[in-house]
Amino acid sequence: MIPASDPRVDAALALAHALRANPQPAPQFTRAVRAFAIGDPQTSAARFFGALATHGLLAPTGWLRHDVRLVALGDYFDYHVPEREAARVEGVLILTWLAAHSPAQVTVIAGNHDLSRVMELVSIDDARFREAADLARTIYDLPEAARDAATAEFRRRFPELATTGYAGRDYNAFTVEQRQLVQRLLLDGRLALASCERATDGTGVLANHAGVTGRQLDQLGLADSRDPATLAAALEARLAAAVAAVADDWRARKPTPLSLEPLHVAGSAGMEGGGLLYHRPADPDRPGADPAWEREAHAPRRFDPRELPRGLVQVIGHTGHSKAWKELARWRDPGMDGERGGLRTLQVTADGAVTYRRGIHRGGRGDAIVWMIDPEMHYVASPADVALLELAP
């Protein structure tokens, strides 16, 4: 258990605040002895640094230890709605600190919460967003019969926001500072869509935020590829092209949205987005499923695990156990509990058999394997309960 006041955590917090004010060079990085992937740091900076300290990854200086490499899987902003005032700053501290390290030491993958800042939220300012978020929260408290009219009024007043959920729930901690940070990191080539990693047994792994299905391979023109390096390079090329298309406007401070369509579709006009960074694995035949919303052809929010590319191993964040436990109920391991957090494996065999279980498991050469590592960092009992996935250094 990490102590309430750990000098490494205190040093990292002080460093993050200093970096937020003024960039400074990171210590030289030469070679990793240990490597880890960490999912969705949607929590306070103190808890995030506490998790790293628990695993022995923080140096007394507040930087990562010189012999550690880290892969962060996206979603640095937004958490529990009542805490949105604090959350407006915490994500900035975490992302600034991660990106200040050498790219050779820290890979910073973008999630939907990060890229929403330069997609759905590209043109709104702080005061107007606060007004929209406050109105959206009041709509949630209305009787159901009154919500349609209130929602229509919200859309009239805030046409630049796709849904009330984006303002009042999903992206409730937005600030212009966050958008400017994401823009700067994208322009500097410091945010990624994917990376090719190695498991501790040497297996090649595609690291990305929410998982790649056959749909995305078709869109990339790589339907038959299962090589993580090839897939990561293709995703990175798509991101680089998208950033290049808006770079001049961003430098001129024009509010032009980043577009990754058709891989990832931003929300608009009362519709939530879908695709690469939004979708989650779910049983399409579970009770209560909404096929029209989940499987919308242009922007799907869920995917059938049997659509995962066989023969590819992926490590993803985005989907915590509390959601997967409900939406993959038919396939979960007998006796599996719903307690938050932990490392988990979603496996689909060559003949289409699906299993969802705790722990990191390997499969056959023809299986689709997804290691799901969103630790639900803000909700587990303590930073010591935040699970990280060890990789080959």
Protein backbone atom coordinates (compact mmCIF):
# COMPACT_ATOMS: atom_id res chain seq x y z
CA MET A 1 0.00 0.00 0.00
CA ILE A 2 1.44 3.36 -1.04
CA PRO A 3 1.72 5.74 1.94
CA ALA A 4 -0.56 8.78 2.07
CA SER A 5 2.43 11.03 1.45
CA ASP A 6 5.05 9.46 -0.77
CA PRO A 7 8.02 11.68 -1.71
CA ARG A 8 8.09 10.23 -5.24
CA VAL A 9 4.44 11.14 -5.76
CA ASP A 10 5.01 14.60 -4.28
CA ALA A 11 7.96 15.11 -6.62
CA ALA A 12 5.96 13.97 -9.65
CA LEU A 13 3.10 16.32 -8.77
CA ALA A 14 5.48 19.23 -8.36
CA LEU A 15 7.14 18.35 -11.67
CA ALA A 16 3.79 18.11 -13.48
CA HIS A 17 2.78 21.56 -12.24
CA ALA A 18 6.16 22.96 -13.29
CA LEU A 19 5.87 21.39 -16.75
CA ARG A 20 2.39 22.81 -17.15
CA ALA A 21 3.83 26.28 -16.63
CA ASN A 22 7.09 25.85 -18.55
CA PRO A 23 8.40 22.91 -20.60
CA GLN A 24 11.77 21.53 -19.58
CA PRO A 25 13.99 18.82 -21.03
CA ALA A 26 13.53 15.28 -19.79
CA PRO A 27 16.42 13.26 -18.40
CA GLN A 28 18.31 11.27 -21.01
CA PHE A 29 16.79 7.88 -21.76
CA THR A 30 19.02 5.14 -23.11
CA ARG A 31 17.63 1.66 -22.52
CA ALA A 32 14.68 0.11 -20.68
CA VAL A 33 15.08 -2.81 -18.33
CA ARG A 34 11.34 -2.93 -17.64
CA ALA A 35 8.33 -1.90 -19.75
CA PHE A 36 4.64 -1.56 -18.92
CA ALA A 37 1.35 -0.54 -20.50
CA ILE A 38 -1.16 1.44 -18.46
CA GLY A 39 -4.81 1.99 -19.33
CA ASP A 40 -7.03 5.07 -19.08
CA PRO A 41 -5.58 7.50 -16.50
CA GLN A 42 -8.95 9.19 -15.85
CA THR A 43 -8.33 10.19 -12.26
CA SER A 44 -6.41 12.66 -10.14
CA ALA A 45 -2.72 13.13 -10.86
CA ALA A 46 -1.94 12.07 -7.29
CA ARG A 47 -3.69 8.73 -7.77
CA PHE A 48 -2.06 8.21 -11.17
CA PHE A 49 1.41 8.88 -9.80
CA GLY A 50 0.58 6.76 -6.77
CA ALA A 51 -0.11 3.82 -9.08
CA LEU A 52 3.24 4.30 -10.83
CA ALA A 53 5.01 4.57 -7.49
CA THR A 54 3.34 1.37 -6.27
CA HIS A 55 4.87 -0.47 -9.21
CA GLY A 56 8.28 1.08 -8.58
CA LEU A 57 8.29 3.17 -11.76
CA LEU A 58 8.85 6.68 -10.36
CA ALA A 59 12.26 8.16 -9.69
CA PRO A 60 12.86 10.45 -6.68
CA THR A 61 13.08 13.35 -9.17
CA GLY A 62 9.43 12.95 -10.19
CA TRP A 63 10.25 11.60 -13.66
CA LEU A 64 9.95 7.97 -14.66
CA ARG A 65 12.90 5.87 -13.57
CA HIS A 66 15.63 5.93 -16.21
CA ASP A 67 15.32 2.18 -16.85
CA VAL A 68 11.52 2.10 -17.37
CA ARG A 69 9.51 2.41 -20.56
CA LEU A 70 5.76 3.15 -20.47
CA VAL A 71 2.92 2.86 -22.99
CA ALA A 72 -0.16 4.91 -22.02
CA LEU A 73 -3.35 3.83 -23.78
CA GLY A 74 -5.35 7.06 -23.88
CA ASP A 75 -8.21 8.88 -22.14
CA TYR A 76 -6.37 11.31 -19.90
CA PHE A 77 -9.38 13.60 -19.35
CA ASP A 78 -12.78 13.40 -17.64
CA TYR A 79 -13.95 11.34 -14.72
CA HIS A 80 -16.73 11.25 -12.11
CA VAL A 81 -19.08 14.09 -13.01
CA PRO A 82 -19.40 15.77 -9.56
CA GLU A 83 -15.63 16.22 -9.55
CA ARG A 84 -15.42 18.10 -12.83
CA GLU A 85 -13.84 21.23 -11.33
CA ALA A 86 -10.82 19.25 -10.14
CA ALA A 87 -10.82 17.08 -13.26
CA ARG A 88 -10.34 20.14 -15.48
CA VAL A 89 -6.74 20.38 -14.26
CA GLU A 90 -5.80 16.80 -13.39
CA GLY A 91 -5.84 15.48 -16.96
CA VAL A 92 -3.65 18.36 -18.10
CA LEU A 93 -1.08 17.50 -15.43
CA ILE A 94 -1.05 13.80 -16.33
CA LEU A 95 -0.84 14.26 -20.11
CA THR A 96 1.73 17.05 -19.87
CA TRP A 97 3.93 14.91 -17.63
CA LEU A 98 3.69 11.85 -19.87
CA ALA A 99 4.42 13.77 -23.06
CA ALA A 100 7.39 15.59 -21.52
CA HIS A 101 9.34 12.32 -21.46
CA SER A 102 11.36 11.20 -24.45
CA PRO A 103 9.21 9.49 -27.12
CA ALA A 104 11.60 6.56 -26.82
CA GLN A 105 10.61 6.20 -23.17
CA VAL A 106 6.89 7.01 -23.17
CA THR A 107 4.42 6.21 -25.95
CA VAL A 108 1.32 8.37 -25.59
CA ILE A 109 -1.68 6.86 -27.36
CA ALA A 110 -4.79 9.02 -27.83
CA GLY A 111 -8.29 7.97 -26.81
CA ASN A 112 -11.73 9.32 -27.62
CA HIS A 113 -11.70 11.66 -24.62
CA ASP A 114 -8.46 13.22 -25.88
CA LEU A 115 -9.33 13.61 -29.55
CA SER A 116 -12.83 14.85 -28.71
CA ARG A 117 -11.09 18.06 -27.67
CA VAL A 118 -10.08 18.67 -31.30
CA MET A 119 -13.16 17.07 -32.88
CA GLU A 120 -16.51 17.58 -31.12
CA LEU A 121 -15.17 20.36 -28.86
CA VAL A 122 -12.97 22.21 -31.33
CA SER A 123 -14.92 25.48 -31.41
CA ILE A 124 -16.42 26.05 -27.96
CA ASP A 125 -14.91 28.20 -25.21
CA ASP A 126 -14.82 27.60 -21.46
CA ALA A 127 -17.70 29.86 -20.46
CA ARG A 128 -20.05 28.53 -23.12
CA PHE A 129 -19.15 24.91 -22.33
CA ARG A 130 -19.82 25.43 -18.62
CA GLU A 131 -23.22 26.87 -19.48
CA ALA A 132 -23.99 23.88 -21.71
CA ALA A 133 -22.76 21.36 -19.12
CA ASP A 134 -24.86 22.92 -16.38
CA LEU A 135 -27.96 22.85 -18.59
CA ALA A 136 -27.30 19.24 -19.59
CA ARG A 137 -27.11 18.19 -15.95
CA THR A 138 -30.51 19.75 -15.23
CA ILE A 139 -32.03 17.78 -18.13
CA TYR A 140 -30.95 14.51 -16.52
CA ASP A 141 -32.98 15.42 -13.42
CA LEU A 142 -36.21 16.16 -15.31
CA PRO A 143 -39.12 13.72 -15.50
CA GLU A 144 -38.76 11.57 -18.59
CA ALA A 145 -41.78 13.16 -20.26
CA ALA A 146 -40.11 16.59 -20.13
CA ARG A 147 -36.69 15.59 -21.46
CA ASP A 148 -37.45 15.65 -25.18
CA ALA A 149 -38.48 19.30 -25.16
CA ALA A 150 -35.55 20.26 -22.94
CA THR A 151 -33.14 18.37 -25.19
CA ALA A 152 -34.50 20.13 -28.27
CA GLU A 153 -33.94 23.46 -26.52
CA PHE A 154 -30.37 22.39 -25.66
CA ARG A 155 -29.66 21.61 -29.31
CA ARG A 156 -31.08 24.95 -30.38
CA ARG A 157 -28.89 26.83 -27.93
CA PHE A 158 -25.74 24.74 -28.40
CA PRO A 159 -25.71 23.41 -31.98
CA GLU A 160 -21.95 22.92 -31.86
CA LEU A 161 -22.34 20.15 -29.23
CA ALA A 162 -23.48 16.79 -30.51
CA THR A 163 -25.48 15.63 -27.48
CA THR A 164 -26.40 16.58 -23.94
CA GLY A 165 -24.40 13.53 -22.82
CA TYR A 166 -21.21 14.97 -24.28
CA ALA A 167 -21.65 18.18 -22.29
CA GLY A 168 -23.01 16.86 -19.02
CA ARG A 169 -21.33 13.47 -18.72
CA ASP A 170 -18.76 12.17 -21.20
CA TYR A 171 -16.59 15.26 -21.67
CA ASN A 172 -17.81 17.22 -18.67
CA ALA A 173 -14.36 18.43 -17.56
CA PHE A 174 -13.44 20.12 -20.87
CA THR A 175 -11.33 23.28 -21.00
CA VAL A 176 -9.72 25.21 -23.82
CA GLU A 177 -6.35 24.55 -22.16
CA GLN A 178 -6.88 20.84 -22.76
CA ARG A 179 -7.74 21.41 -26.41
CA GLN A 180 -4.64 23.53 -26.92
CA LEU A 181 -2.50 20.86 -25.27
CA VAL A 182 -3.89 18.12 -27.51
CA GLN A 183 -3.42 20.28 -30.60
CA ARG A 184 0.18 21.04 -29.68
CA LEU A 185 0.99 17.39 -29.04
CA LEU A 186 -0.60 16.33 -32.32
CA LEU A 187 1.30 18.99 -34.24
CA ASP A 188 4.51 17.82 -32.57
CA GLY A 189 3.79 14.19 -33.47
CA ARG A 190 3.63 13.28 -29.80
CA LEU A 191 0.26 11.53 -29.79
CA ALA A 192 -0.26 8.16 -31.45
CA LEU A 193 -3.16 5.96 -32.51
CA ALA A 194 -1.26 2.71 -32.04
CA SER A 195 2.13 1.15 -31.44
CA CYS A 196 3.72 -2.23 -32.00
CA GLU A 197 4.84 -3.79 -28.72
CA ARG A 198 6.16 -7.14 -27.50
CA ALA A 199 4.65 -9.29 -24.78
CA THR A 200 7.01 -10.74 -22.19
CA ASP A 201 7.17 -13.97 -24.23
CA GLY A 202 8.15 -12.04 -27.39
CA THR A 203 4.72 -12.13 -29.04
CA GLY A 204 3.99 -9.10 -31.20
CA VAL A 205 1.14 -7.00 -29.83
CA LEU A 206 -0.86 -4.11 -31.31
CA ALA A 207 -1.37 -1.50 -28.58
CA ASN A 208 -4.30 0.86 -29.18
CA HIS A 209 -7.09 2.55 -27.29
CA ALA A 210 -10.27 0.58 -27.98
CA GLY A 211 -9.48 -2.36 -30.26
CA VAL A 212 -9.23 -2.95 -34.00
CA THR A 213 -11.80 -5.16 -35.73
CA GLY A 214 -12.12 -6.49 -39.25
CA ARG A 215 -14.05 -3.31 -40.09
CA GLN A 216 -11.00 -1.13 -39.46
CA LEU A 217 -8.69 -3.51 -41.33
CA ASP A 218 -10.98 -3.23 -44.35
CA GLN A 219 -10.95 0.56 -44.07
CA LEU A 220 -7.14 0.51 -43.96
CA GLY A 221 -6.96 -1.80 -46.96
CA LEU A 222 -5.27 -4.43 -44.80
CA ALA A 223 -7.98 -7.05 -44.43
CA ASP A 224 -5.48 -9.93 -44.50
CA SER A 225 -2.75 -8.41 -42.32
CA ARG A 226 -2.13 -9.58 -38.80
CA ASP A 227 1.28 -7.97 -38.35
CA PRO A 228 1.18 -5.47 -35.46
CA ALA A 229 3.97 -3.37 -36.95
CA THR A 230 2.17 -3.05 -40.29
CA LEU A 231 -1.14 -2.18 -38.64
CA ALA A 232 0.42 0.35 -36.25
CA ALA A 233 2.24 2.04 -39.15
CA ALA A 234 -0.99 2.27 -41.16
CA LEU A 235 -2.89 3.81 -38.25
CA GLU A 236 -0.08 6.27 -37.62
CA ALA A 237 -0.06 7.27 -41.29
CA ARG A 238 -3.81 7.98 -41.11
CA LEU A 239 -3.33 10.16 -38.04
CA ALA A 240 -0.40 12.03 -39.59
CA ALA A 241 -2.43 12.75 -42.73
CA ALA A 242 -5.39 13.97 -40.66
CA VAL A 243 -3.19 16.30 -38.63
CA ALA A 244 -1.46 17.63 -41.75
CA ALA A 245 -4.88 18.53 -43.19
CA VAL A 246 -5.70 20.86 -40.28
CA ALA A 247 -2.21 21.97 -39.20
CA ASP A 248 -2.25 25.35 -40.96
CA ASP A 249 -5.70 26.20 -39.59
CA TRP A 250 -4.70 25.24 -36.07
CA ARG A 251 -1.57 27.34 -36.22
CA ALA A 252 -3.77 30.22 -37.40
CA ARG A 253 -6.17 29.44 -34.52
CA LYS A 254 -9.03 28.47 -36.79
CA PRO A 255 -11.41 25.96 -35.14
CA THR A 256 -11.16 23.24 -37.78
CA PRO A 257 -12.02 19.75 -36.50
CA LEU A 258 -9.65 16.84 -36.91
CA SER A 259 -11.21 14.05 -38.97
CA LEU A 260 -10.30 10.37 -38.89
CA GLU A 261 -13.33 9.21 -40.88
CA PRO A 262 -14.25 6.53 -41.67
CA LEU A 263 -12.08 4.87 -39.00
CA HIS A 264 -13.45 7.08 -36.23
CA VAL A 265 -16.56 9.20 -36.59
CA ALA A 266 -17.12 12.24 -34.39
CA GLY A 267 -20.54 12.90 -32.90
CA SER A 268 -22.72 15.58 -34.49
CA ALA A 269 -26.30 16.85 -34.76
CA GLY A 270 -27.75 14.88 -31.88
CA MET A 271 -25.86 11.69 -32.72
CA GLU A 272 -22.97 10.19 -30.77
CA GLY A 273 -19.86 9.21 -32.67
CA GLY A 274 -18.55 5.71 -33.19
CA GLY A 275 -15.86 3.51 -34.63
CA LEU A 276 -12.21 3.05 -33.79
CA LEU A 277 -11.92 5.02 -30.53
CA TYR A 278 -15.51 4.69 -29.30
CA HIS A 279 -16.53 1.07 -29.80
CA ARG A 280 -16.51 -1.68 -27.16
CA PRO A 281 -16.89 -5.46 -27.34
CA ALA A 282 -20.41 -6.61 -26.46
CA ASP A 283 -22.69 -9.57 -26.97
CA PRO A 284 -25.18 -8.43 -29.65
CA ASP A 285 -27.76 -10.93 -28.36
CA ARG A 286 -27.69 -9.95 -24.69
CA PRO A 287 -30.91 -8.83 -23.02
CA GLY A 288 -31.46 -5.08 -23.36
CA ALA A 289 -29.14 -4.62 -26.35
CA ASP A 290 -30.05 -1.73 -28.66
CA PRO A 291 -28.92 -2.80 -32.15
CA ALA A 292 -29.94 0.45 -33.84
CA TRP A 293 -27.64 2.47 -31.58
CA GLU A 294 -24.88 -0.07 -30.95
CA ARG A 295 -24.48 -1.25 -34.55
CA GLU A 296 -25.20 1.96 -36.45
CA ALA A 297 -23.61 1.36 -39.85
CA HIS A 298 -21.71 4.66 -40.10
CA ALA A 299 -20.55 4.95 -36.49
CA PRO A 300 -20.88 1.74 -34.45
CA ARG A 301 -20.58 2.00 -30.66
CA ARG A 302 -20.26 -1.75 -30.02
CA PHE A 303 -18.71 -4.67 -31.86
CA ASP A 304 -19.29 -8.39 -31.70
CA PRO A 305 -16.06 -9.99 -30.39
CA ARG A 306 -16.31 -12.47 -33.24
CA GLU A 307 -15.43 -9.58 -35.57
CA LEU A 308 -11.94 -9.40 -34.05
CA PRO A 309 -9.14 -10.36 -36.46
CA ARG A 310 -8.07 -13.94 -35.78
CA GLY A 311 -4.35 -14.33 -35.28
CA LEU A 312 -3.87 -10.81 -33.86
CA VAL A 313 -2.98 -10.01 -30.24
CA GLN A 314 -4.04 -6.57 -29.02
CA VAL A 315 -3.73 -4.65 -25.76
CA ILE A 316 -6.39 -1.99 -25.20
CA GLY A 317 -7.85 0.36 -22.62
CA HIS A 318 -11.25 2.06 -22.95
CA THR A 319 -13.42 -0.77 -21.60
CA GLY A 320 -13.37 -1.33 -17.85
CA HIS A 321 -14.45 -4.58 -16.26
CA SER A 322 -17.68 -3.12 -14.86
CA LYS A 323 -19.01 -2.63 -18.41
CA ALA A 324 -17.49 -5.75 -19.93
CA TRP A 325 -18.83 -7.91 -17.10
CA LYS A 326 -22.36 -6.85 -18.04
CA GLU A 327 -22.06 -6.73 -21.82
CA LEU A 328 -20.06 -9.96 -22.21
CA ALA A 329 -22.08 -11.91 -19.62
CA ARG A 330 -22.75 -14.92 -21.86
CA TRP A 331 -19.03 -15.47 -22.36
CA ARG A 332 -17.54 -14.60 -19.00
CA ASP A 333 -15.66 -17.16 -16.97
CA PRO A 334 -17.90 -19.12 -14.54
CA GLY A 335 -17.67 -17.56 -11.10
CA MET A 336 -16.19 -14.30 -12.45
CA ASP A 337 -17.10 -11.41 -10.15
CA GLY A 338 -17.97 -7.86 -11.11
CA GLU A 339 -15.37 -6.15 -8.91
CA ARG A 340 -13.79 -3.25 -10.74
CA GLY A 341 -10.32 -3.26 -12.23
CA GLY A 342 -7.80 -5.93 -13.09
CA LEU A 343 -6.18 -7.31 -16.22
CA ARG A 344 -8.52 -9.37 -18.40
CA THR A 345 -8.42 -11.45 -21.58
CA LEU A 346 -11.04 -11.59 -24.33
CA GLN A 347 -10.35 -14.60 -26.55
CA VAL A 348 -12.04 -15.77 -29.75
CA THR A 349 -10.92 -19.11 -31.14
CA ALA A 350 -10.68 -19.96 -34.81
CA ASP A 351 -14.08 -21.66 -34.65
CA GLY A 352 -15.76 -18.62 -33.03
CA ALA A 353 -15.85 -19.65 -29.36
CA VAL A 354 -15.65 -16.57 -27.11
CA THR A 355 -14.34 -16.38 -23.53
CA TYR A 356 -13.89 -13.42 -21.20
CA ARG A 357 -11.82 -14.04 -18.07
CA ARG A 358 -9.50 -12.39 -15.59
CA GLY A 359 -5.76 -12.47 -16.07
CA ILE A 360 -3.48 -12.44 -19.11
CA HIS A 361 -3.90 -15.57 -21.21
CA ARG A 362 -2.34 -16.72 -24.46
CA GLY A 363 -4.23 -18.58 -27.16
CA GLY A 364 -3.60 -20.57 -30.29
CA ARG A 365 -2.01 -19.02 -33.38
CA GLY A 366 -5.39 -18.61 -35.03
CA ASP A 367 -7.13 -16.98 -32.05
CA ALA A 368 -8.04 -13.35 -31.59
CA ILE A 369 -6.63 -12.21 -28.26
CA VAL A 370 -7.40 -8.87 -26.60
CA TRP A 371 -5.77 -7.98 -23.29
CA MET A 372 -8.06 -5.42 -21.68
CA ILE A 373 -6.24 -3.23 -19.18
CA ASP A 374 -8.46 -0.23 -18.40
CA PRO A 375 -7.88 -0.34 -14.60
CA GLU A 376 -10.88 1.87 -13.72
CA MET A 377 -8.23 3.87 -11.95
CA HIS A 378 -10.49 6.37 -10.23
CA TYR A 379 -12.74 3.73 -8.72
CA VAL A 380 -10.55 0.92 -7.38
CA ALA A 381 -9.84 1.00 -3.66
CA SER A 382 -6.37 2.53 -3.85
CA PRO A 383 -3.49 3.23 -6.25
CA ALA A 384 -2.04 -0.12 -5.18
CA ASP A 385 -5.03 -1.79 -6.90
CA VAL A 386 -4.25 -0.26 -10.31
CA ALA A 387 -3.06 -3.08 -12.56
CA LEU A 388 -0.38 -2.55 -15.21
CA LEU A 389 0.55 -4.94 -18.01
CA GLU A 390 4.20 -5.90 -18.17
CA LEU A 391 5.74 -5.87 -21.64
CA ALA A 392 9.09 -6.90 -23.02
CA PRO A 393 11.47 -3.97 -22.55
